[in-house]
Protein backbone atom coordinates (compact mmCIF):
# COMPACT_ATOMS: atom_id res chain seq x y z
CA MET A 1 -122.28 -24.35 -109.91
CA LYS A 2 -125.43 -24.21 -112.07
CA LYS A 3 -123.29 -23.43 -115.13
CA LEU A 4 -121.17 -26.45 -114.31
CA LEU A 5 -124.24 -28.70 -114.13
CA PHE A 6 -125.43 -27.30 -117.48
CA SER A 7 -122.04 -28.14 -119.06
CA ILE A 8 -122.31 -31.68 -117.74
CA LEU A 9 -125.79 -31.95 -119.29
CA LEU A 10 -124.50 -30.81 -122.68
CA THR A 11 -121.70 -33.35 -122.54
CA VAL A 12 -124.12 -36.16 -121.67
CA VAL A 13 -126.39 -35.16 -124.57
CA GLY A 14 -123.40 -35.16 -126.94
CA ILE A 15 -122.24 -38.61 -125.87
CA PHE A 16 -125.73 -40.08 -126.19
CA PHE A 17 -126.19 -38.46 -129.60
CA VAL A 18 -123.04 -40.13 -130.94
CA ALA A 19 -123.86 -43.47 -129.32
CA ASN A 20 -127.41 -43.48 -130.72
CA PHE A 21 -126.09 -42.60 -134.15
CA VAL A 22 -123.71 -45.54 -134.07
CA ASN A 23 -126.39 -47.92 -132.85
CA ALA A 24 -128.62 -46.85 -135.72
CA GLN A 25 -125.82 -47.31 -138.23
CA SER A 26 -124.47 -50.68 -137.03
CA GLN A 27 -127.59 -52.37 -135.71
CA ASN A 28 -127.21 -55.29 -138.16
CA CYS A 29 -123.57 -56.01 -137.35
CA ASP A 30 -123.93 -57.62 -133.94
CA ASN A 31 -123.38 -61.17 -135.22
CA PRO A 32 -120.41 -61.18 -137.67
CA SER A 33 -120.29 -64.98 -137.86
CA ALA A 34 -123.62 -64.95 -139.72
CA LEU A 35 -122.53 -62.42 -142.35
CA ASP A 36 -120.85 -62.92 -145.72
CA LEU A 37 -117.80 -60.93 -146.80
CA ASP A 38 -119.85 -58.25 -148.52
CA GLN A 39 -121.95 -57.71 -145.40
CA LEU A 40 -118.85 -57.80 -143.24
CA GLU A 41 -117.18 -55.17 -145.39
CA LYS A 42 -120.23 -52.93 -145.15
CA CYS A 43 -120.41 -53.40 -141.39
CA LEU A 44 -116.73 -52.63 -141.05
CA ASP A 45 -117.16 -49.46 -143.09
CA GLN A 46 -120.15 -48.44 -140.97
CA LEU A 47 -118.25 -49.03 -137.76
CA ASN A 48 -115.12 -47.26 -138.94
CA GLU A 49 -117.20 -44.33 -140.20
CA ALA A 50 -119.06 -44.25 -136.90
CA LYS A 51 -115.81 -44.37 -135.01
CA SER A 52 -114.38 -41.57 -137.13
CA GLN A 53 -117.48 -39.43 -136.59
CA SER A 54 -117.44 -40.32 -132.92
CA GLU A 55 -113.84 -39.21 -132.54
CA LYS A 56 -114.60 -35.93 -134.31
CA ALA A 57 -117.76 -35.40 -132.28
CA THR A 58 -116.35 -36.39 -128.95
CA LYS A 59 -113.06 -34.54 -129.19
CA PRO A 60 -114.56 -31.17 -128.15
CA LEU A 61 -116.70 -33.05 -125.62
CA GLU A 62 -113.60 -34.70 -124.20
CA GLU A 63 -111.92 -31.32 -123.98
CA GLN A 64 -115.00 -29.98 -122.20
CA VAL A 65 -115.03 -32.96 -119.84
CA ASN A 66 -111.37 -32.33 -119.03
CA ALA A 67 -112.10 -28.65 -118.40
CA ILE A 68 -115.08 -29.57 -116.22
CA GLN A 69 -112.96 -32.09 -114.35
CA LYS A 70 -110.35 -29.41 -113.62
CA ARG A 71 -113.07 -27.03 -112.45
CA VAL A 72 -114.60 -29.72 -110.24
CA ASN A 73 -111.21 -30.40 -108.70
CA PHE A 74 -110.71 -26.67 -108.06
CA ILE A 75 -114.15 -26.32 -106.45
CA GLU A 76 -113.50 -29.36 -104.25
CA LYS A 77 -110.27 -27.82 -103.01
CA ASP A 78 -111.99 -24.44 -102.56
CA LEU A 79 -114.74 -26.07 -100.49
CA VAL A 80 -112.13 -27.53 -98.19
CA VAL A 81 -110.62 -24.06 -97.70
CA LYS A 82 -114.06 -22.55 -97.15
CA GLU A 83 -114.97 -25.16 -94.57
CA LYS A 84 -111.69 -24.59 -92.76
CA ASN A 85 -112.25 -20.82 -92.70
CA ILE A 86 -115.82 -21.22 -91.45
CA ASN A 87 -114.67 -23.53 -88.66
CA GLU A 88 -112.03 -21.00 -87.67
CA SER A 89 -114.68 -18.27 -87.75
CA TYR A 90 -116.91 -20.28 -85.41
CA LYS A 91 -114.03 -20.65 -82.97
CA ASN A 92 -113.44 -16.91 -83.05
CA LEU A 93 -117.18 -16.34 -82.70
CA GLU A 94 -117.16 -17.95 -79.25
CA LYS A 95 -114.94 -15.09 -78.03
CA GLN A 96 -117.00 -12.50 -79.89
CA GLN A 97 -120.19 -13.80 -78.28
CA GLN A 98 -118.72 -13.11 -74.81
CA ILE A 99 -117.85 -9.61 -75.99
CA LEU A 100 -121.39 -9.27 -77.36
CA TYR A 101 -123.03 -10.29 -74.09
CA THR A 102 -120.79 -7.95 -72.08
CA THR A 103 -121.33 -5.08 -74.48
CA ILE A 104 -125.13 -5.50 -74.47
CA ARG A 105 -125.19 -5.57 -70.64
CA ASP A 106 -122.98 -2.51 -70.40
CA TYR A 107 -125.09 -0.74 -73.00
CA TYR A 108 -128.30 -1.18 -71.02
CA ILE A 109 -126.60 -0.30 -67.74
CA LYS A 110 -125.21 2.86 -69.25
CA SER A 111 -128.57 3.65 -70.81
CA TYR A 112 -130.17 3.57 -67.32
CA TYR A 113 -127.55 5.41 -65.32
CA ASN A 114 -126.78 7.91 -68.04
CA SER A 115 -130.31 9.13 -68.69
CA PRO A 116 -130.48 12.91 -69.38
CA LEU A 117 -132.51 13.54 -66.17
CA LEU A 118 -129.97 11.81 -63.92
CA LEU A 119 -127.07 13.57 -65.64
CA LEU A 120 -128.77 16.94 -65.25
CA LEU A 121 -129.34 16.42 -61.56
CA SER A 122 -125.83 15.17 -60.94
CA SER A 123 -123.93 17.78 -62.99
CA ASN A 124 -122.38 20.79 -61.31
CA SER A 125 -122.42 22.95 -64.40
CA VAL A 126 -123.64 23.16 -67.99
CA SER A 127 -120.07 22.61 -69.24
CA GLU A 128 -119.71 19.44 -67.20
CA LEU A 129 -123.11 18.24 -68.41
CA THR A 130 -122.13 18.87 -72.03
CA GLN A 131 -118.84 16.99 -71.68
CA THR A 132 -120.56 14.08 -69.97
CA LEU A 133 -123.23 13.83 -72.66
CA GLU A 134 -120.59 13.85 -75.43
CA TYR A 135 -118.59 11.19 -73.67
CA GLN A 136 -121.66 9.00 -73.14
CA LYS A 137 -122.67 9.42 -76.80
CA VAL A 138 -119.25 8.20 -77.98
CA ALA A 139 -119.37 5.21 -75.62
CA THR A 140 -122.92 4.37 -76.67
CA ASP A 141 -122.07 4.62 -80.42
CA ARG A 142 -119.06 2.38 -79.84
CA ASP A 143 -121.21 -0.23 -78.07
CA LYS A 144 -123.82 -0.05 -80.83
CA ALA A 145 -121.11 -0.56 -83.48
CA ILE A 146 -119.68 -3.54 -81.60
CA ILE A 147 -123.12 -5.12 -81.24
CA THR A 148 -124.03 -4.45 -84.88
CA ASN A 149 -120.74 -5.85 -86.27
CA ILE A 150 -120.93 -9.00 -84.17
CA VAL A 151 -124.57 -9.63 -85.17
CA ILE A 152 -123.67 -9.10 -88.86
CA SER A 153 -120.73 -11.51 -88.48
CA ILE A 154 -123.00 -14.15 -86.97
CA THR A 155 -125.56 -13.68 -89.75
CA ASN A 156 -122.88 -13.87 -92.50
CA LEU A 157 -121.30 -16.93 -90.95
CA GLU A 158 -124.62 -18.74 -90.81
CA GLN A 159 -125.27 -17.83 -94.47
CA ARG A 160 -121.80 -19.04 -95.49
CA GLN A 161 -122.43 -22.30 -93.63
CA LYS A 162 -125.71 -22.83 -95.51
CA GLU A 163 -124.04 -22.07 -98.87
CA LEU A 164 -121.19 -24.46 -98.06
CA GLU A 165 -123.59 -27.30 -97.27
CA SER A 166 -125.50 -26.61 -100.48
CA GLU A 167 -122.29 -26.58 -102.58
CA LYS A 168 -121.12 -29.82 -100.98
CA ILE A 169 -124.37 -31.49 -102.02
CA GLU A 170 -124.13 -30.06 -105.55
CA ILE A 171 -120.50 -31.15 -106.04
CA VAL A 172 -121.46 -34.73 -105.19
CA VAL A 173 -124.16 -34.62 -107.88
CA VAL A 174 -121.75 -33.07 -110.40
CA LYS A 175 -119.09 -35.69 -109.73
CA GLU A 176 -121.59 -38.52 -110.11
CA LYS A 177 -122.77 -37.14 -113.46
CA LEU A 178 -119.21 -36.52 -114.60
CA ASP A 179 -118.15 -40.06 -113.68
CA LYS A 180 -121.15 -41.39 -115.58
CA VAL A 181 -120.23 -39.37 -118.69
CA VAL A 182 -116.62 -40.57 -118.63
CA LEU A 183 -117.66 -44.20 -118.04
CA GLU A 184 -120.23 -44.12 -120.84
CA ALA A 185 -117.74 -42.58 -123.26
CA LYS A 186 -115.08 -45.16 -122.46
CA THR A 187 -117.56 -48.04 -122.59
CA TYR A 188 -118.92 -46.86 -125.91
CA GLN A 189 -115.48 -46.44 -127.49
CA ALA A 190 -114.35 -49.83 -126.17
CA SER A 191 -117.42 -51.62 -127.52
CA LEU A 192 -117.04 -49.95 -130.91
CA SER A 193 -113.36 -50.88 -131.14
CA SER A 194 -114.23 -54.41 -130.07
CA GLN A 195 -116.76 -54.77 -132.87
CA ILE A 196 -114.27 -53.50 -135.44
CA ALA A 197 -111.53 -55.82 -134.19
CA LYS A 198 -113.89 -58.80 -134.23
CA ILE A 199 -114.92 -58.23 -137.83
CA SER A 200 -111.36 -57.49 -138.96
CA ALA A 201 -110.19 -60.78 -137.47
CA ARG A 202 -112.71 -62.62 -139.63
CA GLN A 203 -111.41 -60.89 -142.74
CA GLN A 204 -107.80 -61.66 -141.84
CA GLU A 205 -108.46 -65.41 -142.12
CA ILE A 206 -107.86 -65.27 -145.87
CA LEU A 207 -104.51 -63.53 -145.37
CA ALA A 208 -103.52 -66.06 -142.70
CA GLN A 209 -104.31 -68.95 -145.04
CA ARG A 210 -102.14 -67.47 -147.79
CA LEU A 211 -99.29 -66.87 -145.37
CA ALA A 212 -99.48 -70.45 -144.10
CA SER A 213 -99.20 -71.73 -147.68
CA LEU A 214 -95.63 -70.40 -147.87
CA ASN A 215 -94.45 -72.90 -145.21
CA ILE A 216 -92.07 -70.30 -143.81
CA PRO A 217 -89.24 -72.01 -141.89
CA ARG A 218 -88.92 -70.99 -138.25
CA SER A 219 -85.93 -73.13 -137.38
CA ALA A 220 -82.42 -72.22 -138.46
CA SER A 221 -81.54 -75.91 -138.95
CA THR A 222 -84.35 -76.66 -141.39
CA GLY A 223 -83.70 -77.90 -144.89
CA MET A 224 -86.62 -75.87 -146.25
CA SER A 225 -85.60 -73.25 -148.79
CA GLY A 226 -88.20 -70.71 -147.72
CA CYS A 227 -87.37 -67.90 -150.10
CA VAL A 228 -84.90 -67.02 -152.82
CA ASP A 229 -83.25 -63.67 -153.47
CA ASP A 230 -84.40 -62.77 -156.99
CA ARG A 231 -82.40 -59.57 -157.38
CA ASP A 232 -79.99 -61.15 -159.87
CA LYS A 233 -82.62 -63.19 -161.72
CA ASP A 234 -84.09 -61.96 -164.98
CA PRO A 235 -87.80 -62.77 -165.38
CA GLY A 236 -87.72 -61.66 -169.00
CA PHE A 237 -89.41 -58.28 -168.64
CA SER A 238 -88.57 -54.76 -167.56
CA PRO A 239 -89.37 -52.60 -165.70
CA ARG A 240 -89.96 -55.04 -162.86
CA PHE A 241 -90.76 -54.71 -159.18
CA ALA A 242 -90.35 -57.00 -156.16
CA PHE A 243 -91.08 -56.46 -152.49
CA PHE A 244 -88.41 -57.76 -150.12
CA THR A 245 -89.25 -58.53 -146.49
CA TYR A 246 -86.77 -58.33 -143.61
CA GLY A 247 -86.90 -61.56 -141.59
CA VAL A 248 -89.66 -64.08 -140.94
CA PRO A 249 -93.01 -63.26 -139.28
CA ASN A 250 -92.52 -64.22 -135.60
CA ARG A 251 -89.86 -61.74 -134.53
CA THR A 252 -90.06 -62.37 -130.78
CA GLY A 253 -87.56 -63.87 -128.37
CA LEU A 254 -84.25 -65.41 -129.46
CA ASN A 255 -83.10 -64.61 -132.99
CA GLN A 256 -81.13 -67.73 -133.92
CA TYR A 257 -79.02 -66.18 -136.67
CA GLY A 258 -78.70 -63.06 -134.51
CA ALA A 259 -77.48 -65.18 -131.58
CA ASN A 260 -74.77 -66.69 -133.78
CA GLY A 261 -73.81 -63.22 -135.00
CA ARG A 262 -73.54 -62.02 -131.41
CA ALA A 263 -71.47 -65.06 -130.44
CA LYS A 264 -69.09 -64.31 -133.31
CA ALA A 265 -68.79 -60.79 -131.89
CA GLY A 266 -67.62 -62.27 -128.56
CA GLN A 267 -70.86 -62.26 -126.54
CA ASN A 268 -71.47 -65.16 -124.16
CA ALA A 269 -74.73 -67.08 -123.75
CA GLU A 270 -76.01 -64.94 -120.87
CA SER A 271 -75.37 -61.70 -122.78
CA ILE A 272 -77.14 -63.14 -125.81
CA LEU A 273 -80.20 -64.07 -123.76
CA ASN A 274 -80.30 -60.59 -122.22
CA ALA A 275 -80.26 -59.12 -125.72
CA TYR A 276 -83.45 -60.97 -126.66
CA TYR A 277 -85.38 -61.24 -123.39
CA GLN A 278 -85.94 -59.01 -120.36
CA SER A 279 -87.23 -59.17 -116.78
CA PHE A 280 -86.13 -62.75 -116.19
CA GLU A 281 -83.79 -64.56 -113.82
CA LEU A 282 -81.35 -67.17 -115.12
CA LYS A 283 -81.70 -69.94 -112.55
CA LYS A 284 -78.75 -72.34 -112.82
CA ASP A 285 -79.93 -75.12 -110.53
CA TYR A 286 -83.41 -75.87 -111.87
CA SER A 287 -84.50 -79.47 -111.28
CA ALA A 288 -83.15 -81.92 -113.87
CA ASP A 289 -85.53 -84.66 -112.71
CA ILE A 290 -88.59 -83.40 -114.57
CA ASN A 291 -89.89 -85.62 -117.36
CA ILE A 292 -91.20 -84.13 -120.60
CA ASN A 293 -93.97 -86.04 -122.37
CA VAL A 294 -93.30 -85.89 -126.13
CA GLU A 295 -96.30 -86.57 -128.35
CA GLY A 296 -95.84 -89.95 -130.04
CA TYR A 297 -92.60 -90.79 -128.19
CA GLY A 298 -93.39 -90.91 -124.48
CA GLY A 299 -91.45 -89.34 -121.65
CA TYR A 300 -87.88 -88.05 -121.54
CA ASN A 301 -85.89 -86.51 -118.72
CA ILE A 302 -85.67 -82.76 -119.44
CA GLU A 303 -81.95 -82.90 -120.17
CA GLU A 304 -82.32 -85.93 -122.45
CA TYR A 305 -85.19 -84.19 -124.17
CA VAL A 306 -83.11 -81.07 -124.92
CA LYS A 307 -80.34 -83.24 -126.39
CA ARG A 308 -82.88 -84.34 -129.03
CA ILE A 309 -83.83 -80.81 -130.13
CA TYR A 310 -82.85 -79.99 -133.74
CA GLU A 311 -83.23 -76.23 -133.89
CA MET A 312 -79.74 -74.89 -134.58
CA PRO A 313 -76.80 -76.19 -136.68
CA GLU A 314 -74.20 -77.74 -134.35
CA SER A 315 -71.43 -76.09 -136.37
CA TRP A 316 -72.44 -72.71 -135.02
CA GLU A 317 -70.65 -70.80 -132.26
CA MET A 318 -70.70 -72.56 -128.87
CA GLU A 319 -72.17 -69.56 -127.00
CA ALA A 320 -75.03 -69.41 -129.51
CA LEU A 321 -75.64 -73.15 -129.02
CA LYS A 322 -75.68 -72.68 -125.25
CA ALA A 323 -78.16 -69.78 -125.50
CA GLN A 324 -80.37 -71.97 -127.70
CA ALA A 325 -80.15 -74.89 -125.25
CA ILE A 326 -81.28 -72.64 -122.38
CA ALA A 327 -84.14 -71.23 -124.47
CA ALA A 328 -85.25 -74.72 -125.59
CA ARG A 329 -85.15 -76.06 -122.00
CA SER A 330 -87.10 -73.04 -120.68
CA TYR A 331 -89.65 -73.29 -123.48
CA ALA A 332 -90.31 -77.00 -122.93
CA LEU A 333 -90.74 -76.60 -119.16
CA SER A 334 -93.09 -73.64 -119.60
CA TYR A 335 -95.04 -75.23 -122.46
CA THR A 336 -95.69 -78.43 -120.48
CA ASN A 337 -96.11 -76.70 -117.10
CA ASN A 338 -93.06 -78.48 -115.67
CA GLY A 339 -93.99 -81.79 -117.30
CA ALA A 340 -97.70 -81.78 -116.48
CA GLY A 341 -98.65 -81.54 -120.17
CA SER A 342 -97.17 -82.75 -123.44
CA ILE A 343 -95.31 -81.08 -126.31
CA CYS A 344 -95.36 -81.61 -130.09
CA THR A 345 -92.34 -82.50 -132.22
CA THR A 346 -92.59 -79.96 -135.06
CA GLN A 347 -91.58 -76.32 -135.36
CA SER A 348 -95.07 -75.47 -134.10
CA CYS A 349 -93.47 -76.28 -130.72
CA GLN A 350 -89.81 -77.09 -131.28
CA VAL A 351 -88.23 -79.65 -133.58
CA PHE A 352 -87.62 -82.99 -131.80
CA LYS A 353 -86.13 -86.24 -133.12
CA PRO A 354 -85.86 -89.50 -131.16
CA ASP A 355 -82.09 -89.79 -131.64
CA PRO A 356 -79.76 -87.46 -129.69
CA LYS A 357 -78.16 -84.84 -131.89
CA GLY A 358 -74.79 -85.39 -130.22
CA GLY A 359 -71.59 -83.50 -130.98
CA ARG A 360 -71.21 -79.87 -130.01
CA TRP A 361 -74.96 -79.55 -129.38
CA GLU A 362 -74.78 -82.15 -126.63
CA GLN A 363 -71.77 -80.31 -125.22
CA ALA A 364 -73.81 -77.09 -125.09
CA VAL A 365 -76.67 -78.92 -123.33
CA ASN A 366 -74.32 -80.46 -120.76
CA GLU A 367 -72.55 -77.17 -120.05
CA THR A 368 -75.89 -75.46 -119.33
CA LYS A 369 -77.51 -78.31 -117.38
CA GLY A 370 -80.25 -76.93 -115.11
CA TRP A 371 -80.01 -73.42 -116.60
CA VAL A 372 -83.56 -72.10 -117.00
CA MET A 373 -84.98 -68.62 -117.54
CA VAL A 374 -87.66 -67.96 -114.93
CA SER A 375 -90.01 -65.13 -114.04
CA GLY A 376 -91.75 -65.21 -110.68
CA GLY A 377 -90.15 -68.60 -110.07
CA ASN A 378 -91.72 -70.17 -113.19
CA PRO A 379 -89.99 -71.00 -116.50
CA VAL A 380 -90.71 -68.49 -119.24
CA LYS A 381 -91.96 -69.54 -122.65
CA ALA A 382 -88.78 -68.56 -124.45
CA TRP A 383 -89.98 -68.22 -128.04
CA TYR A 384 -87.41 -68.02 -130.81
CA SER A 385 -87.19 -68.05 -134.59
CA SER A 386 -84.53 -68.26 -137.25
CA THR A 387 -84.40 -64.64 -138.44
CA HIS A 388 -85.85 -61.41 -137.07
CA GLY A 389 -84.63 -59.09 -139.83
CA GLY A 390 -82.75 -56.73 -137.53
CA TYR A 391 -85.53 -56.15 -135.00
CA ILE A 392 -86.88 -57.81 -131.86
CA PHE A 393 -90.60 -57.47 -131.15
CA SER A 394 -92.52 -58.07 -127.93
CA THR A 395 -95.32 -60.63 -128.12
CA SER A 396 -97.98 -57.92 -128.02
CA GLU A 397 -96.48 -56.31 -131.14
CA ILE A 398 -97.01 -59.46 -133.22
CA GLY A 399 -100.59 -59.97 -132.09
CA TRP A 400 -100.00 -62.34 -129.16
CA SER A 401 -100.77 -61.78 -125.49
CA ASP A 402 -98.42 -59.36 -123.77
CA THR A 403 -95.58 -60.92 -121.77
CA SER A 404 -93.15 -59.29 -119.37
CA TRP A 405 -90.06 -61.15 -120.61
CA THR A 406 -90.26 -60.24 -124.32
CA LYS A 407 -89.04 -56.87 -125.56
CA HIS A 408 -88.70 -54.43 -128.44
CA ALA A 409 -85.20 -53.60 -129.63
CA THR A 410 -83.13 -52.99 -132.74
CA ASP A 411 -80.89 -56.04 -133.24
CA THR A 412 -77.85 -54.32 -134.73
CA THR A 413 -74.27 -53.75 -133.64
CA SER A 414 -75.08 -50.10 -132.84
CA GLY A 415 -78.51 -50.76 -131.35
CA SER A 416 -80.13 -48.58 -134.01
CA ALA A 417 -80.66 -48.29 -137.76
CA GLY A 418 -80.87 -45.07 -139.72
CA GLY A 419 -81.95 -46.68 -142.99
CA PHE A 420 -82.14 -49.85 -145.05
CA SER A 421 -78.44 -49.74 -145.91
CA GLU A 422 -77.34 -49.40 -142.28
CA LEU A 423 -79.74 -52.16 -141.22
CA THR A 424 -78.39 -54.51 -143.89
CA SER A 425 -74.80 -53.80 -142.91
CA ASN A 426 -75.13 -53.95 -139.11
CA ALA A 427 -77.90 -56.44 -138.28
CA TYR A 428 -76.63 -59.41 -136.25
CA ASP A 429 -78.71 -61.81 -138.36
CA LYS A 430 -77.65 -60.38 -141.75
CA ASP A 431 -76.04 -63.73 -142.74
CA SER A 432 -79.39 -65.52 -142.70
CA PRO A 433 -80.71 -66.66 -146.09
CA TRP A 434 -84.09 -65.28 -144.93
CA PHE A 435 -82.79 -61.89 -143.80
CA TYR A 436 -83.89 -60.06 -146.98
CA CYS A 437 -86.24 -62.01 -149.24
CA ASP A 438 -88.97 -61.67 -151.82
CA TRP A 439 -91.27 -64.48 -150.74
CA GLY A 440 -93.12 -66.71 -153.16
CA SER A 441 -92.80 -67.32 -156.88
CA ARG A 442 -94.71 -68.52 -159.92
CA ALA A 443 -93.92 -71.14 -162.53
CA SER A 444 -93.48 -68.54 -165.27
CA TYR A 445 -91.01 -65.66 -165.44
CA ASN A 446 -88.00 -67.73 -164.40
CA LYS A 447 -89.79 -68.83 -161.19
CA THR A 448 -89.31 -65.43 -159.58
CA ALA A 449 -91.43 -63.07 -157.51
CA TRP A 450 -90.88 -60.16 -159.89
CA LEU A 451 -94.05 -58.31 -160.91
CA LYS A 452 -94.73 -56.29 -164.04
CA SER A 453 -95.49 -52.59 -164.03
CA SER A 454 -99.08 -53.37 -165.04
CA GLU A 455 -99.43 -55.80 -162.11
CA ILE A 456 -98.30 -53.16 -159.63
CA ALA A 457 -100.71 -50.76 -161.33
CA ASP A 458 -103.49 -53.32 -160.79
CA ILE A 459 -102.69 -53.55 -157.06
CA ALA A 460 -102.71 -49.74 -156.87
CA ASN A 461 -106.08 -49.73 -158.67
CA ILE A 462 -107.78 -52.18 -156.30
CA ILE A 463 -106.65 -50.06 -153.35
CA LEU A 464 -108.13 -46.96 -155.02
CA LEU A 465 -111.36 -48.84 -155.75
CA ALA A 466 -111.66 -50.30 -152.27
CA LYS A 467 -111.18 -46.86 -150.76
CA ALA A 468 -113.78 -45.35 -153.08
CA ASP A 469 -116.32 -48.13 -152.63
CA SER A 470 -115.73 -50.73 -149.94
CA SER A 471 -118.60 -52.89 -151.22
CA THR A 472 -116.34 -53.94 -154.13
CA ALA A 473 -113.81 -55.63 -151.83
CA GLU A 474 -115.11 -59.18 -152.36
CA HIS A 475 -114.25 -58.87 -156.06
CA LEU A 476 -110.62 -57.80 -155.53
CA TYR A 477 -108.82 -61.05 -154.66
CA GLN A 478 -106.07 -62.63 -156.76
CA THR A 479 -107.26 -63.49 -160.26
CA ASP A 480 -105.43 -66.83 -160.62
CA LYS A 481 -107.22 -68.54 -157.72
CA PRO A 482 -110.92 -69.22 -156.96
CA ASN A 483 -112.66 -66.32 -155.27
CA PRO A 484 -112.74 -67.05 -151.50
CA ALA A 485 -116.08 -65.25 -151.20
CA GLY A 486 -117.65 -67.46 -153.86
CA THR A 487 -118.34 -64.56 -156.19
CA GLU A 488 -116.74 -63.04 -159.30
CA THR A 489 -113.16 -61.81 -159.12
CA TRP A 490 -112.66 -58.71 -161.22
CA ASN A 491 -109.63 -58.70 -163.51
CA GLU A 492 -107.42 -55.71 -164.30
CA ASP A 493 -109.70 -54.34 -167.04
CA LYS A 494 -112.84 -54.69 -164.94
CA VAL A 495 -111.21 -52.87 -162.02
CA LYS A 496 -110.15 -50.04 -164.33
CA GLN A 497 -113.68 -49.74 -165.69
CA GLU A 498 -115.15 -49.66 -162.18
CA LEU A 499 -112.78 -46.82 -161.30
CA LYS A 500 -113.78 -44.89 -164.42
CA ASN A 501 -117.44 -45.42 -163.53
CA ARG A 502 -116.65 -43.60 -160.31
CA ASN A 503 -114.78 -40.79 -162.10
CA ILE A 504 -111.39 -42.03 -160.85
CA THR A 505 -108.45 -42.22 -163.26
CA PRO A 506 -106.90 -45.69 -163.04
CA PHE A 507 -103.25 -46.62 -163.42
CA ASN A 508 -102.26 -48.46 -166.60
CA ASN A 509 -98.62 -48.58 -165.67
CA VAL A 510 -96.52 -47.69 -162.64
CA SER A 511 -93.23 -45.93 -163.18
CA SER A 512 -91.89 -45.95 -159.62
CA VAL A 513 -92.62 -47.13 -156.11
CA SER A 514 -90.88 -45.73 -153.05
CA ILE A 515 -90.92 -46.85 -149.44
CA SER A 516 -90.80 -44.84 -146.23
CA ALA A 517 -90.02 -46.72 -143.01
CA ASP A 518 -89.95 -46.10 -139.28
CA PHE A 519 -86.55 -47.53 -138.34
CA GLY A 520 -87.25 -47.08 -134.65
CA SER A 521 -90.20 -49.47 -134.65
CA GLY A 522 -89.01 -51.60 -137.58
CA ARG A 523 -92.04 -51.08 -139.81
CA THR A 524 -92.73 -49.82 -143.32
CA SER A 525 -94.82 -46.71 -142.77
CA THR A 526 -95.77 -45.54 -146.27
CA VAL A 527 -95.78 -46.82 -149.86
CA ASN A 528 -95.73 -44.10 -152.54
CA ILE A 529 -96.83 -45.04 -156.06
CA SER A 530 -96.29 -42.96 -159.22
CA GLY A 531 -97.39 -43.67 -162.78
CA ASP A 532 -99.79 -42.58 -165.47
CA GLY A 533 -102.62 -42.43 -162.95
CA SER A 534 -102.85 -40.00 -160.07
CA GLY A 535 -99.93 -40.69 -157.76
CA PHE A 536 -100.95 -41.61 -154.23
CA SER A 537 -99.63 -42.87 -150.92
CA VAL A 538 -100.94 -45.62 -148.68
CA SER A 539 -99.89 -46.90 -145.27
CA GLY A 540 -97.40 -49.76 -145.23
CA SER A 541 -99.72 -52.14 -143.39
CA GLU A 542 -102.69 -51.42 -145.69
CA PHE A 543 -100.61 -51.87 -148.82
CA LYS A 544 -99.23 -55.16 -147.48
CA ASP A 545 -102.73 -56.54 -146.85
CA TRP A 546 -104.08 -55.62 -150.28
CA PHE A 547 -100.89 -56.82 -151.97
CA ASN A 548 -101.18 -60.20 -150.24
CA LEU A 549 -104.83 -60.51 -151.27
CA ARG A 550 -104.21 -59.61 -154.92
CA ALA A 551 -100.66 -60.70 -155.87
CA PRO A 552 -100.51 -63.79 -158.11
CA ALA A 553 -99.51 -67.35 -157.12
CA ASN A 554 -98.16 -67.32 -153.56
CA ILE A 555 -96.15 -64.07 -153.82
CA GLN A 556 -96.43 -62.18 -150.55
CA ILE A 557 -94.98 -59.61 -148.17
CA VAL A 558 -94.54 -61.53 -144.92
CA GLY A 559 -93.57 -58.96 -142.31
CA PRO A 560 -94.04 -55.37 -141.13
CA LEU A 561 -90.71 -54.12 -142.56
CA TYR A 562 -90.23 -54.43 -146.32
CA ASN A 563 -88.54 -52.62 -149.16
CA ILE A 564 -89.02 -52.30 -152.92
CA GLU A 565 -86.51 -53.46 -155.53
CA GLN A 566 -86.91 -52.09 -159.04
CA ARG A 567 -85.04 -53.03 -162.20
């Protein structure tokens, strides 16, 4: 037990050592809102380094804690067995005590009546005396042995009882210390991750602003062009590279183009909804008397409100229209808390116009009157977007709060995708103009999103530089826009020189870029870059972030799954 307590002490010391190291390293990072980008970047590096060191330092400690926990559990179980055995021994001792008392009495009686003088006087012969003495000696030795064994048993039992009580006290202390170690480790890791997440969110504001500038259409019925497929457009240079994203950013809930693809394949509205949502009940008699307050237009009965939703072309398949009507009705009721609040008229909520859409859309609304998706009796916020790019994500996967009715799935005819080619051929939303796009463009180069080899080399170089020296990050934004940090943006030549200053060979040109993807999760996992510099690989998410910060004009990668086109 003392060894166990010593192990606990070592673990506590290890945890406190790591925690104190982190506190010393990140003591100036408690208030991110007061820091500039350079300070934020340094704090983020400190925290990530601390977290990395913590994970390395605490891994053997965690293993030791687990081993100690197993040992504690074993000792607890062993103490229960010991206590049970001792209790049984005490029960048996009650019988042995009666034997002890009887044996002691008999021993003294025999000692009196069997004295040598009495035996000599009462014996008829020497032979008889000898036999009697031998018999009495055996009886006396037996009584002595019985008395001795019972006394030893009593003594041992009392000692075992004392040891048990002592061990029970020690195990309580050990468990309290162990619980404290585990709690401190978890609290420390949680606080460190929280600090990192908080600072990262601040840095992501720039990326969010760039993404918003694209005005990506969410509704399938919009007239916005969104993106153009540049694969057949010649920008006037070669080699050229473009990054094509699958779908639009918010890949949760109903996939409008996917719903139409499923309807064409013969699926009805209920099957379509089950493909995009989970853990819900389709209630078909929900109250039609609820009024929805529309910002700027006043109140509308829920059914009249849905007839004025312009989210899906009315020429589409009827079952797709019905699925959309149910999703729009459920969304409005959930968004307004059954009419208690109000709802906007843009695609930030859902597109509303004061005049009824009429036609086949109104038919779909009428045929699904009162049909609402509910969970726990309440309407679910049935999000939807035009194009998911072959995958359905839960809300937690796109950075929103987790919800029980959203899901992760592969939105293809087979329910899986083994590669880009299979995804493109089998995705239910493959007919969408936004299914496979290179987003953004610039006025030059035939208004395309194609990039030169030297521009890809520059993006590779800023990633190398940022990894080598994170303090340079504020200088690595796109060169054709003002620096968002209010400092100097380094151009291609400056970045190359900074790499050379750090004994890193920069890229001048890139010869090839390859993509690896996880087709189970629907994400690009790795980007591999080769050229006249040292070839290297970077995670798909990290490359996307740096690309979006550095690429010219408004050219961007807009989702987690993307591919490279090279000409």
